[in-house]
Amino acid sequence: MDGLWRCVGVRWGVEGPGLRWEGGRVSPLGYGREVAFRAVGVRSCVGARGNPCPVAAPVPGRGTQARCAECARLDRAHSVAADTYVDDPRTYRVYLAWFGSGMVKVGITAEERGPARLLEQGAVAFGWLGRGPLMAARRCEELLRAALAVPDRIPYAAKRAVRARLPGVAERAAEVAVLHARAVALAGWPESLQRLECQVVDHAREFGLEGLPAASGVVTELVDHGVVSGRLIAAAGPDLHLEVGGGRGVVVLDARLMSGWGLAAVRPGVSEGVTVPVREVPKEGERGVQDLLF
């Protein structure tokens, strides 16, 4: 693995997005900069909860988690999202996350993490609903999903399909505010959960979405000796929007597909652009969002 780096995903901080590498190093991702690398070898399991996979098991190229079955089980054993970790003493917050018109979800995150969870999901706008103990936040989350008829997850394919044609800031904020008012007015909130006033936060600037061109393709997997090279023009959650050469337009790379691979640097502009498998995205009007999910 000499000369190779292993990526473990995108990290969002106060200075924007960055690629995280094994060992803790972070490479800032500045808009307008070139991203260029070649995948080498076989994709292997990244382990669980900071521990390496004992057998470095090979994992499929199309998976976003890069974990073998055993490491995935261990990782979820203490997962708040999987309801397997219920004695966390930290304060949690319940939120509404907005990804596009009619695309809103409810979720929870540890208060100490601030908006990091929302940035990681690619939430274009969001608002806090309440704060309190974990189990109270979880009960409130379930109440709101049912009462507001909103999901706990929105597929990334749906988020990508609308990211280049979002309504304006005011319209986004208004949709979140309407749902916020409905949510805090509901009966049945746990007594230990404090309701929070509506303050909508917009991430379009952080993501670089203003004037974003529609994507022409989405990377489906990395392969041995496959190259990805392009100019970063936007990033939302794990998605990197890359302007590539050869008339291909904008290609989206989910950085989670990079985890588990040995990656070698290539010279921007000298490489072959994108030589990994890419799923072409139909132009607007050819197919609907529902079609893009499958």
C-alpha atoms as a PDB file:
ATOM      1  CA  MET A   1       0.000   0.000   0.000  1.00  0.00           C
ATOM      2  CA  ASP A   2       3.032   2.306  -0.294  1.00  0.00           C
ATOM      3  CA  GLY A   3       1.962   5.596  -1.853  1.00  0.00           C
ATOM      4  CA  LEU A   4      -1.726   4.766  -1.392  1.00  0.00           C
ATOM      5  CA  TRP A   5      -4.204   6.478   0.919  1.00  0.00           C
ATOM      6  CA  ARG A   6      -7.414   5.039   2.300  1.00  0.00           C
ATOM      7  CA  CYS A   7     -10.357   7.427   2.474  1.00  0.00           C
ATOM      8  CA  VAL A   8     -13.006   7.065   5.191  1.00  0.00           C
ATOM      9  CA  GLY A   9     -15.505   9.604   3.884  1.00  0.00           C
ATOM     10  CA  VAL A  10     -16.308  13.317   3.897  1.00  0.00           C
ATOM     11  CA  ARG A  11     -16.070  15.370   7.069  1.00  0.00           C
ATOM     12  CA  TRP A  12     -18.025  18.610   7.460  1.00  0.00           C
ATOM     13  CA  GLY A  13     -16.594  21.271   9.758  1.00  0.00           C
ATOM     14  CA  VAL A  14     -16.687  25.017  10.280  1.00  0.00           C
ATOM     15  CA  GLU A  15     -14.359  25.467   7.293  1.00  0.00           C
ATOM     16  CA  GLY A  16     -16.450  23.331   4.961  1.00  0.00           C
ATOM     17  CA  PRO A  17     -16.044  19.793   3.632  1.00  0.00           C
ATOM     18  CA  GLY A  18     -12.900  17.692   3.694  1.00  0.00           C
ATOM     19  CA  LEU A  19     -11.871  14.145   2.816  1.00  0.00           C
ATOM     20  CA  ARG A  20     -11.037  12.077   5.908  1.00  0.00           C
ATOM     21  CA  TRP A  21      -8.227   9.530   5.682  1.00  0.00           C
ATOM     22  CA  GLU A  22      -7.214   6.603   7.826  1.00  0.00           C
ATOM     23  CA  GLY A  23      -5.005   7.936  10.603  1.00  0.00           C
ATOM     24  CA  GLY A  24      -7.094  11.077  11.098  1.00  0.00           C
ATOM     25  CA  ARG A  25      -5.773  13.415   8.419  1.00  0.00           C
ATOM     26  CA  VAL A  26      -8.297  15.637   6.625  1.00  0.00           C
ATOM     27  CA  SER A  27      -7.800  17.153   3.154  1.00  0.00           C
ATOM     28  CA  PRO A  28      -9.937  20.307   2.704  1.00  0.00           C
ATOM     29  CA  LEU A  29     -12.215  20.322  -0.330  1.00  0.00           C
ATOM     30  CA  GLY A  30     -12.316  23.808  -1.814  1.00  0.00           C
ATOM     31  CA  TYR A  31     -14.765  24.644  -4.573  1.00  0.00           C
ATOM     32  CA  GLY A  32     -12.943  25.266  -7.825  1.00  0.00           C
ATOM     33  CA  ARG A  33     -10.133  22.858  -6.926  1.00  0.00           C
ATOM     34  CA  GLU A  34      -9.317  19.677  -8.809  1.00  0.00           C
ATOM     35  CA  VAL A  35     -10.082  16.258  -7.357  1.00  0.00           C
ATOM     36  CA  ALA A  36      -8.070  13.545  -9.099  1.00  0.00           C
ATOM     37  CA  PHE A  37      -7.258   9.995  -8.017  1.00  0.00           C
ATOM     38  CA  ARG A  38      -6.973   6.384  -9.162  1.00  0.00           C
ATOM     39  CA  ALA A  39      -8.368   3.385  -7.232  1.00  0.00           C
ATOM     40  CA  VAL A  40      -5.858   0.569  -6.774  1.00  0.00           C
ATOM     41  CA  GLY A  41      -6.269  -3.058  -5.773  1.00  0.00           C
ATOM     42  CA  VAL A  42      -9.339  -4.495  -4.031  1.00  0.00           C
ATOM     43  CA  ARG A  43     -11.830  -2.675  -1.853  1.00  0.00           C
ATOM     44  CA  SER A  44     -11.661  -4.001   1.708  1.00  0.00           C
ATOM     45  CA  CYS A  45     -13.704  -3.628   4.883  1.00  0.00           C
ATOM     46  CA  VAL A  46     -12.972  -0.482   6.930  1.00  0.00           C
ATOM     47  CA  GLY A  47     -13.756  -2.186  10.256  1.00  0.00           C
ATOM     48  CA  ALA A  48     -16.062  -0.999  13.026  1.00  0.00           C
ATOM     49  CA  ARG A  49     -15.989   1.711  15.682  1.00  0.00           C
ATOM     50  CA  GLY A  50     -12.379   2.660  15.078  1.00  0.00           C
ATOM     51  CA  ASN A  51     -11.082  -0.915  14.953  1.00  0.00           C
ATOM     52  CA  PRO A  52      -9.753  -2.489  11.727  1.00  0.00           C
ATOM     53  CA  CYS A  53     -11.429  -5.511  10.216  1.00  0.00           C
ATOM     54  CA  PRO A  54      -9.450  -8.517  11.517  1.00  0.00           C
ATOM     55  CA  VAL A  55      -9.497 -10.242   8.132  1.00  0.00           C
ATOM     56  CA  ALA A  56      -9.549  -7.176   5.832  1.00  0.00           C
ATOM     57  CA  ALA A  57     -12.531  -8.777   4.118  1.00  0.00           C
ATOM     58  CA  PRO A  58     -13.238  -7.747   0.520  1.00  0.00           C
ATOM     59  CA  VAL A  59     -16.479  -5.768   0.095  1.00  0.00           C
ATOM     60  CA  PRO A  60     -18.600  -4.963  -2.972  1.00  0.00           C
ATOM     61  CA  GLY A  61     -17.748  -1.819  -4.913  1.00  0.00           C
ATOM     62  CA  ARG A  62     -21.314  -0.499  -4.996  1.00  0.00           C
ATOM     63  CA  GLY A  63     -21.945  -0.496  -1.237  1.00  0.00           C
ATOM     64  CA  THR A  64     -21.766   2.843   0.571  1.00  0.00           C
ATOM     65  CA  GLN A  65     -20.715   1.469   3.977  1.00  0.00           C
ATOM     66  CA  ALA A  66     -17.632  -0.605   3.012  1.00  0.00           C
ATOM     67  CA  ARG A  67     -18.127  -3.067   5.884  1.00  0.00           C
ATOM     68  CA  CYS A  68     -18.300  -6.834   5.917  1.00  0.00           C
ATOM     69  CA  ALA A  69     -21.317  -8.438   7.601  1.00  0.00           C
ATOM     70  CA  GLU A  70     -19.552  -8.966  10.943  1.00  0.00           C
ATOM     71  CA  CYS A  71     -18.147  -5.439  11.170  1.00  0.00           C
ATOM     72  CA  ALA A  72     -21.507  -3.988  10.138  1.00  0.00           C
ATOM     73  CA  ARG A  73     -23.146  -5.914  12.984  1.00  0.00           C
ATOM     74  CA  LEU A  74     -20.571  -4.618  15.478  1.00  0.00           C
ATOM     75  CA  ASP A  75     -20.952  -1.062  14.226  1.00  0.00           C
ATOM     76  CA  ARG A  76     -24.712  -1.119  14.717  1.00  0.00           C
ATOM     77  CA  ALA A  77     -24.428  -2.664  18.183  1.00  0.00           C
ATOM     78  CA  HIS A  78     -24.008   0.834  19.661  1.00  0.00           C
ATOM     79  CA  SER A  79     -25.962   2.807  17.095  1.00  0.00           C
ATOM     80  CA  VAL A  80     -28.490   5.453  18.096  1.00  0.00           C
ATOM     81  CA  ALA A  81     -29.952   5.296  14.588  1.00  0.00           C
ATOM     82  CA  ALA A  82     -30.550   1.550  14.942  1.00  0.00           C
ATOM     83  CA  ASP A  83     -32.127   1.889  18.427  1.00  0.00           C
ATOM     84  CA  THR A  84     -29.433  -0.354  19.901  1.00  0.00           C
ATOM     85  CA  TYR A  85     -27.862   2.293  22.154  1.00  0.00           C
ATOM     86  CA  VAL A  86     -30.461   3.580  24.599  1.00  0.00           C
ATOM     87  CA  ASP A  87     -28.463   4.692  27.649  1.00  0.00           C
ATOM     88  CA  ASP A  88     -26.627   7.660  26.114  1.00  0.00           C
ATOM     89  CA  PRO A  89     -26.667  10.434  28.768  1.00  0.00           C
ATOM     90  CA  ARG A  90     -26.125  13.281  26.284  1.00  0.00           C
ATOM     91  CA  THR A  91     -28.750  15.848  25.340  1.00  0.00           C
ATOM     92  CA  TYR A  92     -30.336  15.248  21.937  1.00  0.00           C
ATOM     93  CA  ARG A  93     -32.132  17.487  19.489  1.00  0.00           C
ATOM     94  CA  VAL A  94     -35.036  16.703  17.168  1.00  0.00           C
ATOM     95  CA  TYR A  95     -34.899  18.390  13.759  1.00  0.00           C
ATOM     96  CA  LEU A  96     -36.734  18.904  10.481  1.00  0.00           C
ATOM     97  CA  ALA A  97     -34.440  18.569   7.461  1.00  0.00           C
ATOM     98  CA  TRP A  98     -35.434  19.939   4.023  1.00  0.00           C
ATOM     99  CA  PHE A  99     -33.928  18.547   0.805  1.00  0.00           C
ATOM    100  CA  GLY A 100     -36.365  19.824  -1.833  1.00  0.00           C
ATOM    101  CA  SER A 101     -40.012  20.764  -2.258  1.00  0.00           C
ATOM    102  CA  GLY A 102     -42.077  18.159  -0.425  1.00  0.00           C
ATOM    103  CA  MET A 103     -38.919  16.329   0.663  1.00  0.00           C
ATOM    104  CA  VAL A 104     -38.665  16.759   4.439  1.00  0.00           C
ATOM    105  CA  LYS A 105     -37.597  14.284   7.106  1.00  0.00           C
ATOM    106  CA  VAL A 106     -37.531  14.185  10.895  1.00  0.00           C
ATOM    107  CA  GLY A 107     -34.466  13.012  12.802  1.00  0.00           C
ATOM    108  CA  ILE A 108     -32.421  13.333  15.975  1.00  0.00           C
ATOM    109  CA  THR A 109     -28.785  14.191  16.677  1.00  0.00           C
ATOM    110  CA  ALA A 110     -26.634  14.748  19.733  1.00  0.00           C
ATOM    111  CA  GLU A 111     -26.767  18.419  20.682  1.00  0.00           C
ATOM    112  CA  GLU A 112     -22.973  18.600  21.024  1.00  0.00           C
ATOM    113  CA  ARG A 113     -22.624  17.855  17.300  1.00  0.00           C
ATOM    114  CA  GLY A 114     -24.472  21.028  16.309  1.00  0.00           C
ATOM    115  CA  PRO A 115     -25.511  21.036  12.617  1.00  0.00           C
ATOM    116  CA  ALA A 116     -22.896  18.429  11.569  1.00  0.00           C
ATOM    117  CA  ARG A 117     -25.501  15.692  11.073  1.00  0.00           C
ATOM    118  CA  LEU A 118     -27.539  17.954   8.799  1.00  0.00           C
ATOM    119  CA  LEU A 119     -24.483  18.843   6.703  1.00  0.00           C
ATOM    120  CA  GLU A 120     -23.557  15.151   6.473  1.00  0.00           C
ATOM    121  CA  GLN A 121     -27.016  14.334   5.099  1.00  0.00           C
ATOM    122  CA  GLY A 122     -27.002  17.145   2.567  1.00  0.00           C
ATOM    123  CA  ALA A 123     -29.925  19.008   4.158  1.00  0.00           C
ATOM    124  CA  VAL A 124     -30.361  22.230   2.188  1.00  0.00           C
ATOM    125  CA  ALA A 125     -32.335  23.778   5.059  1.00  0.00           C
ATOM    126  CA  PHE A 126     -33.325  22.677   8.549  1.00  0.00           C
ATOM    127  CA  GLY A 127     -34.902  23.779  11.818  1.00  0.00           C
ATOM    128  CA  TRP A 128     -34.619  22.495  15.383  1.00  0.00           C
ATOM    129  CA  LEU A 129     -37.832  21.253  16.988  1.00  0.00           C
ATOM    130  CA  GLY A 130     -36.919  20.159  20.513  1.00  0.00           C
ATOM    131  CA  ARG A 131     -34.161  19.126  22.912  1.00  0.00           C
ATOM    132  CA  GLY A 132     -33.939  16.659  25.784  1.00  0.00           C
ATOM    133  CA  PRO A 133     -32.922  13.089  26.751  1.00  0.00           C
ATOM    134  CA  LEU A 134     -32.323  10.487  24.055  1.00  0.00           C
ATOM    135  CA  MET A 135     -35.413   8.365  24.617  1.00  0.00           C
ATOM    136  CA  ALA A 136     -37.685  11.402  24.814  1.00  0.00           C
ATOM    137  CA  ALA A 137     -36.201  12.668  21.546  1.00  0.00           C
ATOM    138  CA  ARG A 138     -36.724   9.247  19.995  1.00  0.00           C
ATOM    139  CA  ARG A 139     -40.391   9.108  21.092  1.00  0.00           C
ATOM    140  CA  CYS A 140     -40.962  12.600  19.738  1.00  0.00           C
ATOM    141  CA  GLU A 141     -39.324  11.637  16.438  1.00  0.00           C
ATOM    142  CA  GLU A 142     -41.727   8.710  16.049  1.00  0.00           C
ATOM    143  CA  LEU A 143     -44.708  10.891  16.969  1.00  0.00           C
ATOM    144  CA  LEU A 144     -43.811  13.511  14.384  1.00  0.00           C
ATOM    145  CA  ARG A 145     -43.172  11.031  11.590  1.00  0.00           C
ATOM    146  CA  ALA A 146     -46.672   9.644  11.986  1.00  0.00           C
ATOM    147  CA  ALA A 147     -48.443  12.970  12.570  1.00  0.00           C
ATOM    148  CA  LEU A 148     -46.698  14.914   9.813  1.00  0.00           C
ATOM    149  CA  ALA A 149     -46.476  11.954   7.411  1.00  0.00           C
ATOM    150  CA  VAL A 150     -42.754  12.507   6.852  1.00  0.00           C
ATOM    151  CA  PRO A 151     -40.092   9.776   6.564  1.00  0.00           C
ATOM    152  CA  ASP A 152     -36.952   9.190   8.610  1.00  0.00           C
ATOM    153  CA  ARG A 153     -34.879   8.750   5.439  1.00  0.00           C
ATOM    154  CA  ILE A 154     -34.803  10.199   1.930  1.00  0.00           C
ATOM    155  CA  PRO A 155     -32.787   8.355  -0.751  1.00  0.00           C
ATOM    156  CA  TYR A 156     -29.773  10.188  -2.116  1.00  0.00           C
ATOM    157  CA  ALA A 157     -31.025   9.604  -5.637  1.00  0.00           C
ATOM    158  CA  ALA A 158     -34.048  11.772  -4.820  1.00  0.00           C
ATOM    159  CA  LYS A 159     -31.880  14.485  -3.231  1.00  0.00           C
ATOM    160  CA  ARG A 160     -29.587  14.613  -6.270  1.00  0.00           C
ATOM    161  CA  ALA A 161     -32.516  14.753  -8.694  1.00  0.00           C
ATOM    162  CA  VAL A 162     -33.712  18.144  -7.368  1.00  0.00           C
ATOM    163  CA  ARG A 163     -30.486  19.747  -6.122  1.00  0.00           C
ATOM    164  CA  ALA A 164     -29.919  21.824  -9.282  1.00  0.00           C
ATOM    165  CA  ARG A 165     -33.475  23.223  -9.408  1.00  0.00           C
ATOM    166  CA  LEU A 166     -34.367  24.229  -5.871  1.00  0.00           C
ATOM    167  CA  PRO A 167     -36.845  27.004  -5.005  1.00  0.00           C
ATOM    168  CA  GLY A 168     -35.534  30.189  -3.411  1.00  0.00           C
ATOM    169  CA  VAL A 169     -34.352  30.660   0.169  1.00  0.00           C
ATOM    170  CA  ALA A 170     -37.629  32.237   1.310  1.00  0.00           C
ATOM    171  CA  GLU A 171     -39.721  29.412  -0.110  1.00  0.00           C
ATOM    172  CA  ARG A 172     -37.489  26.805   1.518  1.00  0.00           C
ATOM    173  CA  ALA A 173     -37.709  28.536   4.882  1.00  0.00           C
ATOM    174  CA  ALA A 174     -41.481  28.899   4.609  1.00  0.00           C
ATOM    175  CA  GLU A 175     -41.973  25.166   4.041  1.00  0.00           C
ATOM    176  CA  VAL A 176     -39.862  24.331   7.087  1.00  0.00           C
ATOM    177  CA  ALA A 177     -41.671  26.969   9.184  1.00  0.00           C
ATOM    178  CA  VAL A 178     -45.117  25.577   8.320  1.00  0.00           C
ATOM    179  CA  LEU A 179     -44.131  22.064   9.355  1.00  0.00           C
ATOM    180  CA  HIS A 180     -42.385  23.392  12.474  1.00  0.00           C
ATOM    181  CA  ALA A 181     -45.604  25.130  13.576  1.00  0.00           C
ATOM    182  CA  ARG A 182     -47.607  21.955  13.049  1.00  0.00           C
ATOM    183  CA  ALA A 183     -45.039  19.884  14.923  1.00  0.00           C
ATOM    184  CA  VAL A 184     -44.771  22.000  18.079  1.00  0.00           C
ATOM    185  CA  ALA A 185     -48.567  22.315  18.265  1.00  0.00           C
ATOM    186  CA  LEU A 186     -49.070  18.552  18.469  1.00  0.00           C
ATOM    187  CA  ALA A 187     -50.201  16.935  21.693  1.00  0.00           C
ATOM    188  CA  GLY A 188     -48.277  13.975  23.016  1.00  0.00           C
ATOM    189  CA  TRP A 189     -44.788  15.443  23.257  1.00  0.00           C
ATOM    190  CA  PRO A 190     -42.725  13.834  26.048  1.00  0.00           C
ATOM    191  CA  GLU A 191     -42.720  16.081  29.135  1.00  0.00           C
ATOM    192  CA  SER A 192     -38.923  16.026  29.339  1.00  0.00           C
ATOM    193  CA  LEU A 193     -38.510  17.403  25.807  1.00  0.00           C
ATOM    194  CA  GLN A 194     -38.276  21.179  25.442  1.00  0.00           C
ATOM    195  CA  ARG A 195     -39.915  22.711  22.371  1.00  0.00           C
ATOM    196  CA  LEU A 196     -37.674  25.122  20.449  1.00  0.00           C
ATOM    197  CA  GLU A 197     -38.689  28.198  18.457  1.00  0.00           C
ATOM    198  CA  CYS A 198     -38.420  28.126  14.692  1.00  0.00           C
ATOM    199  CA  GLN A 199     -35.090  29.344  13.316  1.00  0.00           C
ATOM    200  CA  VAL A 200     -34.485  28.011   9.824  1.00  0.00           C
ATOM    201  CA  VAL A 201     -30.859  27.501   8.785  1.00  0.00           C
ATOM    202  CA  ASP A 202     -29.991  27.345   5.072  1.00  0.00           C
ATOM    203  CA  HIS A 203     -26.942  25.438   3.776  1.00  0.00           C
ATOM    204  CA  ALA A 204     -27.085  26.312   0.070  1.00  0.00           C
ATOM    205  CA  ARG A 205     -24.044  28.591   0.341  1.00  0.00           C
ATOM    206  CA  GLU A 206     -22.017  26.022   2.287  1.00  0.00           C
ATOM    207  CA  PHE A 207     -22.853  23.414  -0.344  1.00  0.00           C
ATOM    208  CA  GLY A 208     -22.109  25.702  -3.317  1.00  0.00           C
ATOM    209  CA  LEU A 209     -25.554  25.147  -4.824  1.00  0.00           C
ATOM    210  CA  GLU A 210     -26.167  28.581  -6.344  1.00  0.00           C
ATOM    211  CA  GLY A 211     -26.209  28.180 -10.113  1.00  0.00           C
ATOM    212  CA  LEU A 212     -25.412  24.461  -9.844  1.00  0.00           C
ATOM    213  CA  PRO A 213     -25.756  22.719 -13.246  1.00  0.00           C
ATOM    214  CA  ALA A 214     -27.806  19.539 -13.401  1.00  0.00           C
ATOM    215  CA  ALA A 215     -25.723  16.367 -13.170  1.00  0.00           C
ATOM    216  CA  SER A 216     -25.249  14.303 -16.308  1.00  0.00           C
ATOM    217  CA  GLY A 217     -24.149  11.175 -14.434  1.00  0.00           C
ATOM    218  CA  VAL A 218     -23.581   9.517 -11.070  1.00  0.00           C
ATOM    219  CA  VAL A 219     -20.624   7.255 -10.257  1.00  0.00           C
ATOM    220  CA  THR A 220     -21.931   3.802  -9.307  1.00  0.00           C
ATOM    221  CA  GLU A 221     -18.667   2.261  -8.083  1.00  0.00           C
ATOM    222  CA  LEU A 222     -14.906   2.501  -8.185  1.00  0.00           C
ATOM    223  CA  VAL A 223     -12.833  -0.219  -9.854  1.00  0.00           C
ATOM    224  CA  ASP A 224      -9.177  -1.207  -9.865  1.00  0.00           C
ATOM    225  CA  HIS A 225      -7.196   1.345 -11.939  1.00  0.00           C
ATOM    226  CA  GLY A 226     -10.347   3.426 -12.421  1.00  0.00           C
ATOM    227  CA  VAL A 227      -9.777   7.192 -12.481  1.00  0.00           C
ATOM    228  CA  VAL A 228     -11.927  10.033 -11.192  1.00  0.00           C
ATOM    229  CA  SER A 229     -10.746  13.518 -12.126  1.00  0.00           C
ATOM    230  CA  GLY A 230     -12.671  16.772 -12.206  1.00  0.00           C
ATOM    231  CA  ARG A 231     -13.137  20.247 -10.767  1.00  0.00           C
ATOM    232  CA  LEU A 232     -15.193  20.357  -7.584  1.00  0.00           C
ATOM    233  CA  ILE A 233     -18.072  22.813  -8.003  1.00  0.00           C
ATOM    234  CA  ALA A 234     -20.353  21.749  -5.134  1.00  0.00           C
ATOM    235  CA  ALA A 235     -20.664  19.262  -2.276  1.00  0.00           C
ATOM    236  CA  ALA A 236     -23.732  18.235  -0.295  1.00  0.00           C
ATOM    237  CA  GLY A 237     -23.426  15.557   2.358  1.00  0.00           C
ATOM    238  CA  PRO A 238     -21.144  12.884   0.863  1.00  0.00           C
ATOM    239  CA  ASP A 239     -21.894  13.918  -2.721  1.00  0.00           C
ATOM    240  CA  LEU A 240     -19.124  15.626  -4.676  1.00  0.00           C
ATOM    241  CA  HIS A 241     -20.287  17.423  -7.828  1.00  0.00           C
ATOM    242  CA  LEU A 242     -17.396  17.331 -10.289  1.00  0.00           C
ATOM    243  CA  GLU A 243     -17.130  19.186 -13.578  1.00  0.00           C
ATOM    244  CA  VAL A 244     -15.294  16.777 -15.855  1.00  0.00           C
ATOM    245  CA  GLY A 245     -13.760  17.131 -19.277  1.00  0.00           C
ATOM    246  CA  GLY A 246     -14.634  15.551 -22.574  1.00  0.00           C
ATOM    247  CA  GLY A 247     -18.046  17.208 -22.756  1.00  0.00           C
ATOM    248  CA  ARG A 248     -19.398  14.987 -19.986  1.00  0.00           C
ATOM    249  CA  GLY A 249     -20.652  17.876 -17.893  1.00  0.00           C
ATOM    250  CA  VAL A 250     -21.130  17.335 -14.155  1.00  0.00           C
ATOM    251  CA  VAL A 251     -20.679  13.908 -12.591  1.00  0.00           C
ATOM    252  CA  VAL A 252     -21.637  13.223  -8.957  1.00  0.00           C
ATOM    253  CA  LEU A 253     -19.395  11.039  -6.804  1.00  0.00           C
ATOM    254  CA  ASP A 254     -20.724   9.752  -3.481  1.00  0.00           C
ATOM    255  CA  ALA A 255     -17.524   9.878  -1.411  1.00  0.00           C
ATOM    256  CA  ARG A 256     -18.703   6.891   0.631  1.00  0.00           C
ATOM    257  CA  LEU A 257     -17.825   4.780  -2.431  1.00  0.00           C
ATOM    258  CA  MET A 258     -14.178   5.798  -1.897  1.00  0.00           C
ATOM    259  CA  SER A 259     -13.915   4.180   1.540  1.00  0.00           C
ATOM    260  CA  GLY A 260     -12.057   0.876   1.660  1.00  0.00           C
ATOM    261  CA  TRP A 261     -10.038   1.585  -1.486  1.00  0.00           C
ATOM    262  CA  GLY A 262      -6.357   2.346  -1.789  1.00  0.00           C
ATOM    263  CA  LEU A 263      -6.251   5.646  -3.677  1.00  0.00           C
ATOM    264  CA  ALA A 264      -3.315   7.063  -5.595  1.00  0.00           C
ATOM    265  CA  ALA A 265      -3.008  10.666  -6.745  1.00  0.00           C
ATOM    266  CA  VAL A 266      -3.031  11.452 -10.453  1.00  0.00           C
ATOM    267  CA  ARG A 267      -2.178  14.718 -12.161  1.00  0.00           C
ATOM    268  CA  PRO A 268      -5.334  16.795 -12.797  1.00  0.00           C
ATOM    269  CA  GLY A 269      -5.911  17.458 -16.464  1.00  0.00           C
ATOM    270  CA  VAL A 270      -3.511  14.697 -17.501  1.00  0.00           C
ATOM    271  CA  SER A 271      -5.737  11.801 -16.496  1.00  0.00           C
ATOM    272  CA  GLU A 272      -8.584  10.346 -18.524  1.00  0.00           C
ATOM    273  CA  GLY A 273     -11.300  12.184 -16.569  1.00  0.00           C
ATOM    274  CA  VAL A 274     -13.706   9.557 -15.266  1.00  0.00           C
ATOM    275  CA  THR A 275     -13.067   5.941 -16.251  1.00  0.00           C
ATOM    276  CA  VAL A 276     -15.140   4.251 -13.530  1.00  0.00           C
ATOM    277  CA  PRO A 277     -18.748   3.061 -14.093  1.00  0.00           C
ATOM    278  CA  VAL A 278     -21.199   5.975 -14.320  1.00  0.00           C
ATOM    279  CA  ARG A 279     -24.985   5.851 -14.522  1.00  0.00           C
ATOM    280  CA  GLU A 280     -26.256   8.469 -16.926  1.00  0.00           C
ATOM    281  CA  VAL A 281     -28.913  10.810 -15.524  1.00  0.00           C
ATOM    282  CA  PRO A 282     -31.872  11.509 -17.828  1.00  0.00           C
ATOM    283  CA  LYS A 283     -32.403  15.153 -18.700  1.00  0.00           C
ATOM    284  CA  GLU A 284     -35.180  17.034 -16.923  1.00  0.00           C
ATOM    285  CA  GLY A 285     -38.552  16.030 -18.293  1.00  0.00           C
ATOM    286  CA  GLU A 286     -37.420  12.639 -19.568  1.00  0.00           C
ATOM    287  CA  ARG A 287     -38.123  10.830 -16.294  1.00  0.00           C
ATOM    288  CA  GLY A 288     -39.460  11.762 -12.897  1.00  0.00           C
ATOM    289  CA  VAL A 289     -37.829  11.642  -9.474  1.00  0.00           C
ATOM    290  CA  GLN A 290     -39.551   8.330  -8.705  1.00  0.00           C
ATOM    291  CA  ASP A 291     -37.865   6.713 -11.709  1.00  0.00           C
ATOM    292  CA  LEU A 292     -34.444   7.895 -10.509  1.00  0.00           C
ATOM    293  CA  LEU A 293     -34.778   5.861  -7.318  1.00  0.00           C
ATOM    294  CA  PHE A 294     -34.551   2.521  -9.112  1.00  0.00           C
END
